[in-house]
């Protein structure tokens, strides 16, 4: 059979948008399912409150902390992790975990420092892990400095928190580089 180019042209144009739409919608379905699943697991306020109550936090403080949290299970997991690793009060752990951007990393920081070094003041470790921007990197700094130099834990905490981040070459310069 011989088809004219006019028949092929009429057939192509109505089909192309439908095929493109089908491909686009099929490729976005896995992302929508993943986002819905993440949203469902991250917004478990009841689990957050019960975990905080089990940790020894008062009912009012647990309700407020879970209600204010973007990811409530991360806050309650942080409090549990800190209390398992360090000798601090549940209120202090909740205060640090609920005010941090990375509560899971705060718990990891406290656990790493307590696991690798001899710690005299757990509250100081919690405060330092909460104050730093990158808690896991901070814990690596503290344990690395303490092991390599042989300094006390408090000295390593102070040294690493003071190191900070110093950006270089952020402003343009018009001075010739000769």
Protein backbone atom coordinates (compact mmCIF):
# COMPACT_ATOMS: atom_id res chain seq x y z
CA UNK A 1 0.00 0.00 0.00
CA UNK A 2 1.15 3.40 -0.79
CA UNK A 3 0.39 6.16 1.70
CA UNK A 4 0.55 9.76 0.83
CA UNK A 5 2.62 12.10 2.93
CA UNK A 6 -0.59 13.92 3.83
CA UNK A 7 -1.98 10.80 5.58
CA UNK A 8 1.22 10.28 7.56
CA UNK A 9 1.30 13.94 8.53
CA UNK A 10 -2.30 13.88 9.79
CA UNK A 11 -1.58 10.76 11.82
CA UNK A 12 1.63 12.03 13.45
CA UNK A 13 0.51 15.32 14.97
CA UNK A 14 -2.43 14.10 17.09
CA UNK A 15 -0.42 11.17 18.46
CA UNK A 16 2.72 13.04 19.54
CA UNK A 17 1.15 15.08 22.38
CA UNK A 18 -0.56 12.00 23.80
CA UNK A 19 2.62 9.94 23.73
CA UNK A 20 4.62 12.76 25.30
CA UNK A 21 2.00 13.25 28.01
CA UNK A 22 1.90 9.54 28.77
CA UNK A 23 5.68 9.36 29.05
CA UNK A 24 5.86 12.41 31.32
CA UNK A 25 3.10 11.23 33.62
CA UNK A 26 4.56 7.72 33.84
CA UNK A 27 7.97 9.10 34.75
CA UNK A 28 6.60 11.33 37.54
CA UNK A 29 4.53 8.65 39.28
CA UNK A 30 7.46 7.12 41.20
CA UNK A 31 8.47 10.57 42.50
CA UNK A 32 4.94 11.31 43.69
CA UNK A 33 4.74 7.97 45.48
CA UNK A 34 8.11 8.55 47.14
CA UNK A 35 7.11 12.04 48.29
CA UNK A 36 3.82 10.78 49.71
CA UNK A 37 5.57 7.94 51.51
CA UNK A 38 8.19 10.30 52.98
CA UNK A 39 5.49 12.71 54.08
CA UNK A 40 3.53 9.94 55.76
CA UNK A 41 6.55 8.65 57.67
CA UNK A 42 7.90 12.08 58.65
CA UNK A 43 4.65 13.37 60.11
CA UNK A 44 4.13 10.83 62.84
CA UNK A 45 3.36 13.16 65.73
CA UNK A 46 1.88 10.44 67.93
CA UNK A 47 5.04 8.34 67.77
CA UNK A 48 7.11 11.42 68.59
CA UNK A 49 5.04 12.24 71.66
CA UNK A 50 5.01 8.67 72.98
CA UNK A 51 8.77 8.29 72.47
CA UNK A 52 9.42 11.54 74.33
CA UNK A 53 7.12 10.50 77.17
CA UNK A 54 8.98 7.18 77.41
CA UNK A 55 12.26 9.12 77.59
CA UNK A 56 11.05 11.04 80.65
CA UNK A 57 9.98 14.33 79.09
CA UNK A 58 6.87 15.95 80.57
CA UNK A 59 3.62 15.64 78.62
CA UNK A 60 3.34 19.37 77.97
CA UNK A 61 6.94 19.70 76.75
CA UNK A 62 6.54 16.60 74.53
CA UNK A 63 3.34 17.97 72.98
CA UNK A 64 4.90 21.36 72.26
CA UNK A 65 8.13 19.93 70.86
CA UNK A 66 6.37 17.47 68.56
CA UNK A 67 3.85 20.06 67.40
CA UNK A 68 6.59 22.54 66.52
CA UNK A 69 8.82 20.02 64.73
CA UNK A 70 8.92 19.75 60.95
CA UNK A 71 10.04 16.12 61.27
CA UNK A 72 8.84 15.06 64.71
CA UNK A 73 10.29 11.55 64.65
CA UNK A 74 13.76 13.00 64.09
CA UNK A 75 13.40 15.10 67.24
CA UNK A 76 12.23 12.19 69.38
CA UNK A 77 14.91 9.93 67.89
CA UNK A 78 17.54 12.55 68.72
CA UNK A 79 16.38 12.76 72.34
CA UNK A 80 16.47 8.97 72.67
CA UNK A 81 19.90 8.77 71.05
CA UNK A 82 21.35 11.48 73.28
CA UNK A 83 19.90 9.93 76.44
CA UNK A 84 21.29 6.51 75.47
CA UNK A 85 24.79 7.90 74.90
CA UNK A 86 25.16 10.66 77.48
CA UNK A 87 24.30 11.41 81.07
CA UNK A 88 22.07 14.46 80.59
CA UNK A 89 18.55 15.30 81.62
CA UNK A 90 15.69 14.64 79.20
CA UNK A 91 14.84 18.35 79.26
CA UNK A 92 18.37 19.31 78.17
CA UNK A 93 18.33 16.72 75.39
CA UNK A 94 14.93 17.94 74.19
CA UNK A 95 16.09 21.55 74.26
CA UNK A 96 19.11 20.80 72.08
CA UNK A 97 17.34 18.44 69.70
CA UNK A 98 14.23 20.52 69.14
CA UNK A 99 16.18 23.68 68.31
CA UNK A 100 18.61 22.12 65.83
CA UNK A 101 18.31 21.83 62.05
CA UNK A 102 19.90 18.37 62.08
CA UNK A 103 18.66 16.60 65.20
CA UNK A 104 19.72 13.16 64.00
CA UNK A 105 23.28 14.43 63.51
CA UNK A 106 23.31 15.96 67.01
CA UNK A 107 22.56 12.54 68.49
CA UNK A 108 25.23 10.97 66.27
CA UNK A 109 27.75 13.61 67.36
CA UNK A 110 27.09 13.02 71.06
CA UNK A 111 27.23 9.25 70.63
CA UNK A 112 30.48 9.38 68.63
CA UNK A 113 32.29 11.59 71.12
CA UNK A 114 31.08 9.55 74.09
CA UNK A 115 31.98 6.30 72.34
CA UNK A 116 35.51 7.30 71.38
CA UNK A 117 36.67 9.55 74.23
CA UNK A 118 36.52 9.76 78.01
CA UNK A 119 33.94 12.45 78.77
CA UNK A 120 33.72 14.17 82.14
CA UNK A 121 30.92 16.63 81.29
CA UNK A 122 28.17 15.22 79.05
CA UNK A 123 26.23 18.49 79.09
CA UNK A 124 29.22 20.29 77.56
CA UNK A 125 29.41 17.72 74.75
CA UNK A 126 25.69 18.12 74.05
CA UNK A 127 25.98 21.92 74.01
CA UNK A 128 28.93 21.85 71.62
CA UNK A 129 27.26 19.34 69.28
CA UNK A 130 24.17 21.53 69.25
CA UNK A 131 26.11 24.75 68.60
CA UNK A 132 28.01 23.52 65.58
CA UNK A 133 26.55 23.75 62.08
CA UNK A 134 27.80 20.31 60.98
CA UNK A 135 27.60 18.02 64.02
CA UNK A 136 29.01 14.85 62.41
CA UNK A 137 32.00 16.71 61.02
CA UNK A 138 32.49 18.34 64.41
CA UNK A 139 32.51 14.94 66.13
CA UNK A 140 35.14 13.72 63.65
CA UNK A 141 37.24 16.81 64.42
CA UNK A 142 36.96 16.35 68.19
CA UNK A 143 37.82 12.65 68.17
CA UNK A 144 40.58 13.09 65.59
CA UNK A 145 42.26 15.96 67.43
CA UNK A 146 41.96 14.24 70.81
CA UNK A 147 43.46 11.00 69.46
CA UNK A 148 46.25 12.57 67.40
CA UNK A 149 47.37 15.27 69.82
CA UNK A 150 46.43 13.51 73.02
CA UNK A 151 44.56 16.49 74.39
CA UNK A 152 41.68 16.34 76.85
CA UNK A 153 38.14 16.10 75.57
CA UNK A 154 37.26 19.63 76.75
CA UNK A 155 40.30 21.06 74.95
CA UNK A 156 39.35 19.26 71.73
CA UNK A 157 35.76 20.50 72.03
CA UNK A 158 36.97 24.09 72.39
CA UNK A 159 39.54 23.81 69.60
CA UNK A 160 37.13 22.38 67.05
CA UNK A 161 34.25 24.76 67.84
CA UNK A 162 36.61 27.74 67.43
CA UNK A 163 37.96 26.51 64.10
CA UNK A 164 34.81 27.49 62.22
CA UNK A 165 34.67 28.02 58.50
CA UNK A 166 36.71 30.68 56.83
CA UNK A 167 35.74 31.18 53.19
CA UNK A 168 38.46 32.23 50.81
CA UNK A 169 38.27 34.31 47.65
CA UNK A 170 34.63 35.29 48.03
CA UNK A 171 34.98 38.91 46.95
CA UNK A 172 36.36 39.97 43.58
CA UNK A 173 39.66 41.73 43.67
CA UNK A 174 41.06 44.15 41.16
CA UNK A 175 44.62 43.79 42.36
CA UNK A 176 46.75 42.10 39.69
CA UNK A 177 48.00 38.65 40.64
CA UNK A 178 51.72 38.94 39.74
